[in-house]
Amino acid sequence: VAPQTHLTIAADGVLASQSRFTQI
């Protein structure tokens, strides 16, 4: 549960960076 949680947040963080890089 703990690594599942942290890694899911991390993965979504990477995916969320797409919109920022698109603007850049």
mmCIF file of all heavy atoms, coordinates in Angstrom:
data_MODEL
# 
_entry.id   MODEL 
# 
loop_
_atom_site.group_PDB 
_atom_site.id 
_atom_site.type_symbol 
_atom_site.label_atom_id 
_atom_site.label_alt_id 
_atom_site.label_comp_id 
_atom_site.label_asym_id 
_atom_site.label_entity_id 
_atom_site.label_seq_id 
_atom_site.pdbx_PDB_ins_code 
_atom_site.Cartn_x 
_atom_site.Cartn_y 
_atom_site.Cartn_z 
_atom_site.occupancy 
_atom_site.B_iso_or_equiv 
_atom_site.pdbx_formal_charge 
_atom_site.auth_seq_id 
_atom_site.auth_comp_id 
_atom_site.auth_asym_id 
_atom_site.auth_atom_id 
_atom_site.pdbx_PDB_model_num 
ATOM 1   N N   . VAL A 1 1  ? 0.814  -1.224 0.000   1.00 0.00 ? 1  VAL A N   1 
ATOM 2   C CA  . VAL A 1 1  ? 0.000  0.000  0.000   1.00 0.00 ? 1  VAL A CA  1 
ATOM 3   C C   . VAL A 1 1  ? 0.848  1.275  0.000   1.00 0.00 ? 1  VAL A C   1 
ATOM 4   O O   . VAL A 1 1  ? 0.574  2.209  -0.765  1.00 0.00 ? 1  VAL A O   1 
ATOM 5   C CB  . VAL A 1 1  ? -0.976 0.009  1.192   1.00 0.00 ? 1  VAL A CB  1 
ATOM 6   C CG1 . VAL A 1 1  ? -1.819 1.293  1.175   1.00 0.00 ? 1  VAL A CG1 1 
ATOM 7   C CG2 . VAL A 1 1  ? -1.883 -1.210 1.155   1.00 0.00 ? 1  VAL A CG2 1 
ATOM 8   N N   . ALA A 1 2  ? 1.888  1.319  0.834   1.00 0.00 ? 2  ALA A N   1 
ATOM 9   C CA  . ALA A 1 2  ? 2.712  2.532  0.893   1.00 0.00 ? 2  ALA A CA  1 
ATOM 10  C C   . ALA A 1 2  ? 3.447  2.797  -0.421  1.00 0.00 ? 2  ALA A C   1 
ATOM 11  O O   . ALA A 1 2  ? 3.322  3.898  -0.987  1.00 0.00 ? 2  ALA A O   1 
ATOM 12  C CB  . ALA A 1 2  ? 3.691  2.457  2.064   1.00 0.00 ? 2  ALA A CB  1 
ATOM 13  N N   . PRO A 1 3  ? 4.216  1.841  -0.963  1.00 0.00 ? 3  PRO A N   1 
ATOM 14  C CA  . PRO A 1 3  ? 4.879  2.121  -2.241  1.00 0.00 ? 3  PRO A CA  1 
ATOM 15  C C   . PRO A 1 3  ? 3.879  2.320  -3.371  1.00 0.00 ? 3  PRO A C   1 
ATOM 16  O O   . PRO A 1 3  ? 4.105  3.123  -4.279  1.00 0.00 ? 3  PRO A O   1 
ATOM 17  C CB  . PRO A 1 3  ? 5.760  0.883  -2.472  1.00 0.00 ? 3  PRO A CB  1 
ATOM 18  C CG  . PRO A 1 3  ? 5.215  -0.178 -1.585  1.00 0.00 ? 3  PRO A CG  1 
ATOM 19  C CD  . PRO A 1 3  ? 4.648  0.545  -0.404  1.00 0.00 ? 3  PRO A CD  1 
ATOM 20  N N   . GLN A 1 4  ? 2.786  1.602  -3.332  1.00 0.00 ? 4  GLN A N   1 
ATOM 21  C CA  . GLN A 1 4  ? 1.715  1.765  -4.320  1.00 0.00 ? 4  GLN A CA  1 
ATOM 22  C C   . GLN A 1 4  ? 1.240  3.217  -4.336  1.00 0.00 ? 4  GLN A C   1 
ATOM 23  O O   . GLN A 1 4  ? 1.050  3.824  -5.404  1.00 0.00 ? 4  GLN A O   1 
ATOM 24  C CB  . GLN A 1 4  ? 0.575  0.828  -3.905  1.00 0.00 ? 4  GLN A CB  1 
ATOM 25  C CG  . GLN A 1 4  ? -0.655 0.798  -4.764  1.00 0.00 ? 4  GLN A CG  1 
ATOM 26  C CD  . GLN A 1 4  ? -1.629 -0.228 -4.195  1.00 0.00 ? 4  GLN A CD  1 
ATOM 27  O OE1 . GLN A 1 4  ? -1.995 -0.174 -3.016  1.00 0.00 ? 4  GLN A OE1 1 
ATOM 28  N NE2 . GLN A 1 4  ? -2.035 -1.174 -5.018  1.00 0.00 ? 4  GLN A NE2 1 
ATOM 29  N N   . THR A 1 5  ? 1.092  3.797  -3.160  1.00 0.00 ? 5  THR A N   1 
ATOM 30  C CA  . THR A 1 5  ? 0.629  5.183  -3.036  1.00 0.00 ? 5  THR A CA  1 
ATOM 31  C C   . THR A 1 5  ? 1.679  6.162  -3.539  1.00 0.00 ? 5  THR A C   1 
ATOM 32  O O   . THR A 1 5  ? 1.408  7.018  -4.386  1.00 0.00 ? 5  THR A O   1 
ATOM 33  C CB  . THR A 1 5  ? 0.296  5.496  -1.567  1.00 0.00 ? 5  THR A CB  1 
ATOM 34  O OG1 . THR A 1 5  ? -0.712 4.595  -1.104  1.00 0.00 ? 5  THR A OG1 1 
ATOM 35  C CG2 . THR A 1 5  ? -0.198 6.935  -1.427  1.00 0.00 ? 5  THR A CG2 1 
ATOM 36  N N   . HIS A 1 6  ? 2.887  6.056  -3.016  1.00 0.00 ? 6  HIS A N   1 
ATOM 37  C CA  . HIS A 1 6  ? 3.945  7.004  -3.379  1.00 0.00 ? 6  HIS A CA  1 
ATOM 38  C C   . HIS A 1 6  ? 4.282  6.948  -4.864  1.00 0.00 ? 6  HIS A C   1 
ATOM 39  O O   . HIS A 1 6  ? 4.480  7.987  -5.510  1.00 0.00 ? 6  HIS A O   1 
ATOM 40  C CB  . HIS A 1 6  ? 5.205  6.722  -2.554  1.00 0.00 ? 6  HIS A CB  1 
ATOM 41  C CG  . HIS A 1 6  ? 5.041  6.985  -1.092  1.00 0.00 ? 6  HIS A CG  1 
ATOM 42  N ND1 . HIS A 1 6  ? 4.671  8.205  -0.591  1.00 0.00 ? 6  HIS A ND1 1 
ATOM 43  C CD2 . HIS A 1 6  ? 5.209  6.167  -0.013  1.00 0.00 ? 6  HIS A CD2 1 
ATOM 44  C CE1 . HIS A 1 6  ? 4.610  8.139  0.736   1.00 0.00 ? 6  HIS A CE1 1 
ATOM 45  N NE2 . HIS A 1 6  ? 4.936  6.919  1.101   1.00 0.00 ? 6  HIS A NE2 1 
ATOM 46  N N   . LEU A 1 7  ? 4.345  5.751  -5.404  1.00 0.00 ? 7  LEU A N   1 
ATOM 47  C CA  . LEU A 1 7  ? 4.719  5.612  -6.816  1.00 0.00 ? 7  LEU A CA  1 
ATOM 48  C C   . LEU A 1 7  ? 3.600  6.065  -7.750  1.00 0.00 ? 7  LEU A C   1 
ATOM 49  O O   . LEU A 1 7  ? 3.871  6.586  -8.832  1.00 0.00 ? 7  LEU A O   1 
ATOM 50  C CB  . LEU A 1 7  ? 5.123  4.169  -7.115  1.00 0.00 ? 7  LEU A CB  1 
ATOM 51  C CG  . LEU A 1 7  ? 6.425  3.711  -6.450  1.00 0.00 ? 7  LEU A CG  1 
ATOM 52  C CD1 . LEU A 1 7  ? 6.645  2.219  -6.657  1.00 0.00 ? 7  LEU A CD1 1 
ATOM 53  C CD2 . LEU A 1 7  ? 7.619  4.504  -6.971  1.00 0.00 ? 7  LEU A CD2 1 
ATOM 54  N N   . THR A 1 8  ? 2.364  5.889  -7.342  1.00 0.00 ? 8  THR A N   1 
ATOM 55  C CA  . THR A 1 8  ? 1.253  6.384  -8.163  1.00 0.00 ? 8  THR A CA  1 
ATOM 56  C C   . THR A 1 8  ? 1.265  7.907  -8.200  1.00 0.00 ? 8  THR A C   1 
ATOM 57  O O   . THR A 1 8  ? 1.068  8.522  -9.260  1.00 0.00 ? 8  THR A O   1 
ATOM 58  C CB  . THR A 1 8  ? -0.097 5.882  -7.610  1.00 0.00 ? 8  THR A CB  1 
ATOM 59  O OG1 . THR A 1 8  ? -0.150 4.462  -7.703  1.00 0.00 ? 8  THR A OG1 1 
ATOM 60  C CG2 . THR A 1 8  ? -1.257 6.465  -8.409  1.00 0.00 ? 8  THR A CG2 1 
ATOM 61  N N   . ILE A 1 9  ? 1.521  8.518  -7.061  1.00 0.00 ? 9  ILE A N   1 
ATOM 62  C CA  . ILE A 1 9  ? 1.631  9.982  -7.026  1.00 0.00 ? 9  ILE A CA  1 
ATOM 63  C C   . ILE A 1 9  ? 2.779  10.442 -7.908  1.00 0.00 ? 9  ILE A C   1 
ATOM 64  O O   . ILE A 1 9  ? 2.659  11.408 -8.672  1.00 0.00 ? 9  ILE A O   1 
ATOM 65  C CB  . ILE A 1 9  ? 1.827  10.483 -5.581  1.00 0.00 ? 9  ILE A CB  1 
ATOM 66  C CG1 . ILE A 1 9  ? 0.573  10.202 -4.738  1.00 0.00 ? 9  ILE A CG1 1 
ATOM 67  C CG2 . ILE A 1 9  ? 2.140  11.984 -5.564  1.00 0.00 ? 9  ILE A CG2 1 
ATOM 68  C CD1 . ILE A 1 9  ? 0.728  10.523 -3.265  1.00 0.00 ? 9  ILE A CD1 1 
ATOM 69  N N   . ALA A 1 10 ? 3.905  9.736  -7.819  1.00 0.00 ? 10 ALA A N   1 
ATOM 70  C CA  . ALA A 1 10 ? 5.069  10.104 -8.626  1.00 0.00 ? 10 ALA A CA  1 
ATOM 71  C C   . ALA A 1 10 ? 4.781  9.965  -10.117 1.00 0.00 ? 10 ALA A C   1 
ATOM 72  O O   . ALA A 1 10 ? 5.137  10.827 -10.921 1.00 0.00 ? 10 ALA A O   1 
ATOM 73  C CB  . ALA A 1 10 ? 6.275  9.248  -8.238  1.00 0.00 ? 10 ALA A CB  1 
ATOM 74  N N   . ALA A 1 11 ? 4.130  8.866  -10.497 1.00 0.00 ? 11 ALA A N   1 
ATOM 75  C CA  . ALA A 1 11 ? 3.812  8.645  -11.908 1.00 0.00 ? 11 ALA A CA  1 
ATOM 76  C C   . ALA A 1 11 ? 2.858  9.717  -12.431 1.00 0.00 ? 11 ALA A C   1 
ATOM 77  O O   . ALA A 1 11 ? 3.042  10.252 -13.532 1.00 0.00 ? 11 ALA A O   1 
ATOM 78  C CB  . ALA A 1 11 ? 3.198  7.261  -12.096 1.00 0.00 ? 11 ALA A CB  1 
ATOM 79  N N   . ASP A 1 12 ? 1.853  10.032 -11.650 1.00 0.00 ? 12 ASP A N   1 
ATOM 80  C CA  . ASP A 1 12 ? 0.919  11.085 -12.062 1.00 0.00 ? 12 ASP A CA  1 
ATOM 81  C C   . ASP A 1 12 ? 1.627  12.443 -12.136 1.00 0.00 ? 12 ASP A C   1 
ATOM 82  O O   . ASP A 1 12 ? 1.263  13.300 -12.942 1.00 0.00 ? 12 ASP A O   1 
ATOM 83  C CB  . ASP A 1 12 ? -0.261 11.162 -11.093 1.00 0.00 ? 12 ASP A CB  1 
ATOM 84  C CG  . ASP A 1 12 ? -1.349 10.147 -11.426 1.00 0.00 ? 12 ASP A CG  1 
ATOM 85  O OD1 . ASP A 1 12 ? -1.193 9.426  -12.431 1.00 0.00 ? 12 ASP A OD1 1 
ATOM 86  O OD2 . ASP A 1 12 ? -2.351 10.073 -10.688 1.00 0.00 ? 12 ASP A OD2 1 
ATOM 87  N N   . GLY A 1 13 ? 2.643  12.626 -11.299 1.00 0.00 ? 13 GLY A N   1 
ATOM 88  C CA  . GLY A 1 13 ? 3.418  13.863 -11.361 1.00 0.00 ? 13 GLY A CA  1 
ATOM 89  C C   . GLY A 1 13 ? 4.158  14.000 -12.679 1.00 0.00 ? 13 GLY A C   1 
ATOM 90  O O   . GLY A 1 13 ? 4.219  15.081 -13.265 1.00 0.00 ? 13 GLY A O   1 
ATOM 91  N N   . VAL A 1 14 ? 4.727  12.889 -13.142 1.00 0.00 ? 14 VAL A N   1 
ATOM 92  C CA  . VAL A 1 14 ? 5.414  12.899 -14.439 1.00 0.00 ? 14 VAL A CA  1 
ATOM 93  C C   . VAL A 1 14 ? 4.421  13.218 -15.549 1.00 0.00 ? 14 VAL A C   1 
ATOM 94  O O   . VAL A 1 14 ? 4.677  14.059 -16.420 1.00 0.00 ? 14 VAL A O   1 
ATOM 95  C CB  . VAL A 1 14 ? 6.090  11.547 -14.720 1.00 0.00 ? 14 VAL A CB  1 
ATOM 96  C CG1 . VAL A 1 14 ? 6.654  11.522 -16.140 1.00 0.00 ? 14 VAL A CG1 1 
ATOM 97  C CG2 . VAL A 1 14 ? 7.208  11.294 -13.715 1.00 0.00 ? 14 VAL A CG2 1 
ATOM 98  N N   . LEU A 1 15 ? 3.288  12.556 -15.522 1.00 0.00 ? 15 LEU A N   1 
ATOM 99  C CA  . LEU A 1 15 ? 2.286  12.762 -16.566 1.00 0.00 ? 15 LEU A CA  1 
ATOM 100 C C   . LEU A 1 15 ? 1.730  14.185 -16.534 1.00 0.00 ? 15 LEU A C   1 
ATOM 101 O O   . LEU A 1 15 ? 1.449  14.772 -17.583 1.00 0.00 ? 15 LEU A O   1 
ATOM 102 C CB  . LEU A 1 15 ? 1.147  11.743 -16.400 1.00 0.00 ? 15 LEU A CB  1 
ATOM 103 C CG  . LEU A 1 15 ? 1.576  10.280 -16.538 1.00 0.00 ? 15 LEU A CG  1 
ATOM 104 C CD1 . LEU A 1 15 ? 0.410  9.343  -16.220 1.00 0.00 ? 15 LEU A CD1 1 
ATOM 105 C CD2 . LEU A 1 15 ? 2.114  9.999  -17.932 1.00 0.00 ? 15 LEU A CD2 1 
ATOM 106 N N   . ALA A 1 16 ? 1.609  14.747 -15.346 1.00 0.00 ? 16 ALA A N   1 
ATOM 107 C CA  . ALA A 1 16 ? 1.102  16.113 -15.214 1.00 0.00 ? 16 ALA A CA  1 
ATOM 108 C C   . ALA A 1 16 ? 2.083  17.141 -15.768 1.00 0.00 ? 16 ALA A C   1 
ATOM 109 O O   . ALA A 1 16 ? 1.692  18.254 -16.127 1.00 0.00 ? 16 ALA A O   1 
ATOM 110 C CB  . ALA A 1 16 ? 0.801  16.425 -13.748 1.00 0.00 ? 16 ALA A CB  1 
ATOM 111 N N   . SER A 1 17 ? 3.364  16.760 -15.853 1.00 0.00 ? 17 SER A N   1 
ATOM 112 C CA  . SER A 1 17 ? 4.362  17.706 -16.363 1.00 0.00 ? 17 SER A CA  1 
ATOM 113 C C   . SER A 1 17 ? 4.183  17.983 -17.853 1.00 0.00 ? 17 SER A C   1 
ATOM 114 O O   . SER A 1 17 ? 4.728  18.957 -18.375 1.00 0.00 ? 17 SER A O   1 
ATOM 115 C CB  . SER A 1 17 ? 5.778  17.169 -16.102 1.00 0.00 ? 17 SER A CB  1 
ATOM 116 O OG  . SER A 1 17 ? 6.080  16.079 -16.965 1.00 0.00 ? 17 SER A OG  1 
ATOM 117 N N   . GLN A 1 18 ? 3.430  17.133 -18.536 1.00 0.00 ? 18 GLN A N   1 
ATOM 118 C CA  . GLN A 1 18 ? 3.233  17.316 -19.973 1.00 0.00 ? 18 GLN A CA  1 
ATOM 119 C C   . GLN A 1 18 ? 2.675  18.688 -20.310 1.00 0.00 ? 18 GLN A C   1 
ATOM 120 O O   . GLN A 1 18 ? 3.142  19.353 -21.240 1.00 0.00 ? 18 GLN A O   1 
ATOM 121 C CB  . GLN A 1 18 ? 2.275  16.245 -20.520 1.00 0.00 ? 18 GLN A CB  1 
ATOM 122 C CG  . GLN A 1 18 ? 2.882  14.874 -20.678 1.00 0.00 ? 18 GLN A CG  1 
ATOM 123 C CD  . GLN A 1 18 ? 1.884  13.874 -21.238 1.00 0.00 ? 18 GLN A CD  1 
ATOM 124 O OE1 . GLN A 1 18 ? 1.036  13.364 -20.530 1.00 0.00 ? 18 GLN A OE1 1 
ATOM 125 N NE2 . GLN A 1 18 ? 1.977  13.620 -22.525 1.00 0.00 ? 18 GLN A NE2 1 
ATOM 126 N N   . SER A 1 19 ? 1.656  19.106 -19.587 1.00 0.00 ? 19 SER A N   1 
ATOM 127 C CA  . SER A 1 19 ? 1.023  20.395 -19.898 1.00 0.00 ? 19 SER A CA  1 
ATOM 128 C C   . SER A 1 19 ? 1.979  21.551 -19.670 1.00 0.00 ? 19 SER A C   1 
ATOM 129 O O   . SER A 1 19 ? 1.988  22.524 -20.435 1.00 0.00 ? 19 SER A O   1 
ATOM 130 C CB  . SER A 1 19 ? -0.234 20.589 -19.044 1.00 0.00 ? 19 SER A CB  1 
ATOM 131 O OG  . SER A 1 19 ? 0.079  20.610 -17.663 1.00 0.00 ? 19 SER A OG  1 
ATOM 132 N N   . ARG A 1 20 ? 2.835  21.435 -18.658 1.00 0.00 ? 20 ARG A N   1 
ATOM 133 C CA  . ARG A 1 20 ? 3.804  22.493 -18.388 1.00 0.00 ? 20 ARG A CA  1 
ATOM 134 C C   . ARG A 1 20 ? 4.840  22.576 -19.508 1.00 0.00 ? 20 ARG A C   1 
ATOM 135 O O   . ARG A 1 20 ? 5.176  23.655 -19.979 1.00 0.00 ? 20 ARG A O   1 
ATOM 136 C CB  . ARG A 1 20 ? 4.464  22.243 -17.038 1.00 0.00 ? 20 ARG A CB  1 
ATOM 137 C CG  . ARG A 1 20 ? 3.487  22.353 -15.870 1.00 0.00 ? 20 ARG A CG  1 
ATOM 138 C CD  . ARG A 1 20 ? 4.109  21.855 -14.580 1.00 0.00 ? 20 ARG A CD  1 
ATOM 139 N NE  . ARG A 1 20 ? 3.233  22.074 -13.447 1.00 0.00 ? 20 ARG A NE  1 
ATOM 140 C CZ  . ARG A 1 20 ? 2.232  21.262 -13.128 1.00 0.00 ? 20 ARG A CZ  1 
ATOM 141 N NH1 . ARG A 1 20 ? 2.001  20.193 -13.845 1.00 0.00 ? 20 ARG A NH1 1 
ATOM 142 N NH2 . ARG A 1 20 ? 1.466  21.518 -12.080 1.00 0.00 ? 20 ARG A NH2 1 
ATOM 143 N N   . PHE A 1 21 ? 5.318  21.420 -19.942 1.00 0.00 ? 21 PHE A N   1 
ATOM 144 C CA  . PHE A 1 21 ? 6.305  21.420 -21.019 1.00 0.00 ? 21 PHE A CA  1 
ATOM 145 C C   . PHE A 1 21 ? 5.691  21.841 -22.344 1.00 0.00 ? 21 PHE A C   1 
ATOM 146 O O   . PHE A 1 21 ? 6.372  22.423 -23.187 1.00 0.00 ? 21 PHE A O   1 
ATOM 147 C CB  . PHE A 1 21 ? 6.947  20.031 -21.148 1.00 0.00 ? 21 PHE A CB  1 
ATOM 148 C CG  . PHE A 1 21 ? 8.120  19.838 -20.229 1.00 0.00 ? 21 PHE A CG  1 
ATOM 149 C CD1 . PHE A 1 21 ? 8.038  18.991 -19.143 1.00 0.00 ? 21 PHE A CD1 1 
ATOM 150 C CD2 . PHE A 1 21 ? 9.308  20.527 -20.439 1.00 0.00 ? 21 PHE A CD2 1 
ATOM 151 C CE1 . PHE A 1 21 ? 9.114  18.818 -18.292 1.00 0.00 ? 21 PHE A CE1 1 
ATOM 152 C CE2 . PHE A 1 21 ? 10.393 20.363 -19.598 1.00 0.00 ? 21 PHE A CE2 1 
ATOM 153 C CZ  . PHE A 1 21 ? 10.298 19.504 -18.517 1.00 0.00 ? 21 PHE A CZ  1 
ATOM 154 N N   . THR A 1 22 ? 4.435  21.547 -22.540 1.00 0.00 ? 22 THR A N   1 
ATOM 155 C CA  . THR A 1 22 ? 3.767  21.987 -23.766 1.00 0.00 ? 22 THR A CA  1 
ATOM 156 C C   . THR A 1 22 ? 3.753  23.505 -23.838 1.00 0.00 ? 22 THR A C   1 
ATOM 157 O O   . THR A 1 22 ? 4.019  24.099 -24.896 1.00 0.00 ? 22 THR A O   1 
ATOM 158 C CB  . THR A 1 22 ? 2.318  21.454 -23.817 1.00 0.00 ? 22 THR A CB  1 
ATOM 159 O OG1 . THR A 1 22 ? 2.359  20.030 -23.904 1.00 0.00 ? 22 THR A OG1 1 
ATOM 160 C CG2 . THR A 1 22 ? 1.577  21.996 -25.026 1.00 0.00 ? 22 THR A CG2 1 
ATOM 161 N N   . GLN A 1 23 ? 3.471  24.136 -22.724 1.00 0.00 ? 23 GLN A N   1 
ATOM 162 C CA  . GLN A 1 23 ? 3.463  25.604 -22.681 1.00 0.00 ? 23 GLN A CA  1 
ATOM 163 C C   . GLN A 1 23 ? 4.863  26.178 -22.873 1.00 0.00 ? 23 GLN A C   1 
ATOM 164 O O   . GLN A 1 23 ? 5.046  27.186 -23.569 1.00 0.00 ? 23 GLN A O   1 
ATOM 165 C CB  . GLN A 1 23 ? 2.859  26.085 -21.365 1.00 0.00 ? 23 GLN A CB  1 
ATOM 166 C CG  . GLN A 1 23 ? 1.369  25.791 -21.258 1.00 0.00 ? 23 GLN A CG  1 
ATOM 167 C CD  . GLN A 1 23 ? 0.801  26.171 -19.917 1.00 0.00 ? 23 GLN A CD  1 
ATOM 168 O OE1 . GLN A 1 23 ? 1.391  25.856 -18.882 1.00 0.00 ? 23 GLN A OE1 1 
ATOM 169 N NE2 . GLN A 1 23 ? -0.334 26.839 -19.914 1.00 0.00 ? 23 GLN A NE2 1 
ATOM 170 N N   . ILE A 1 24 ? 5.841  25.523 -22.257 1.00 0.00 ? 24 ILE A N   1 
ATOM 171 C CA  . ILE A 1 24 ? 7.224  25.973 -22.425 1.00 0.00 ? 24 ILE A CA  1 
ATOM 172 C C   . ILE A 1 24 ? 7.643  25.828 -23.881 1.00 0.00 ? 24 ILE A C   1 
ATOM 173 O O   . ILE A 1 24 ? 8.276  26.714 -24.469 1.00 0.00 ? 24 ILE A O   1 
ATOM 174 C CB  . ILE A 1 24 ? 8.169  25.171 -21.508 1.00 0.00 ? 24 ILE A CB  1 
ATOM 175 C CG1 . ILE A 1 24 ? 7.863  25.478 -20.034 1.00 0.00 ? 24 ILE A CG1 1 
ATOM 176 C CG2 . ILE A 1 24 ? 9.625  25.501 -21.818 1.00 0.00 ? 24 ILE A CG2 1 
ATOM 177 C CD1 . ILE A 1 24 ? 8.581  24.551 -19.070 1.00 0.00 ? 24 ILE A CD1 1 
# 
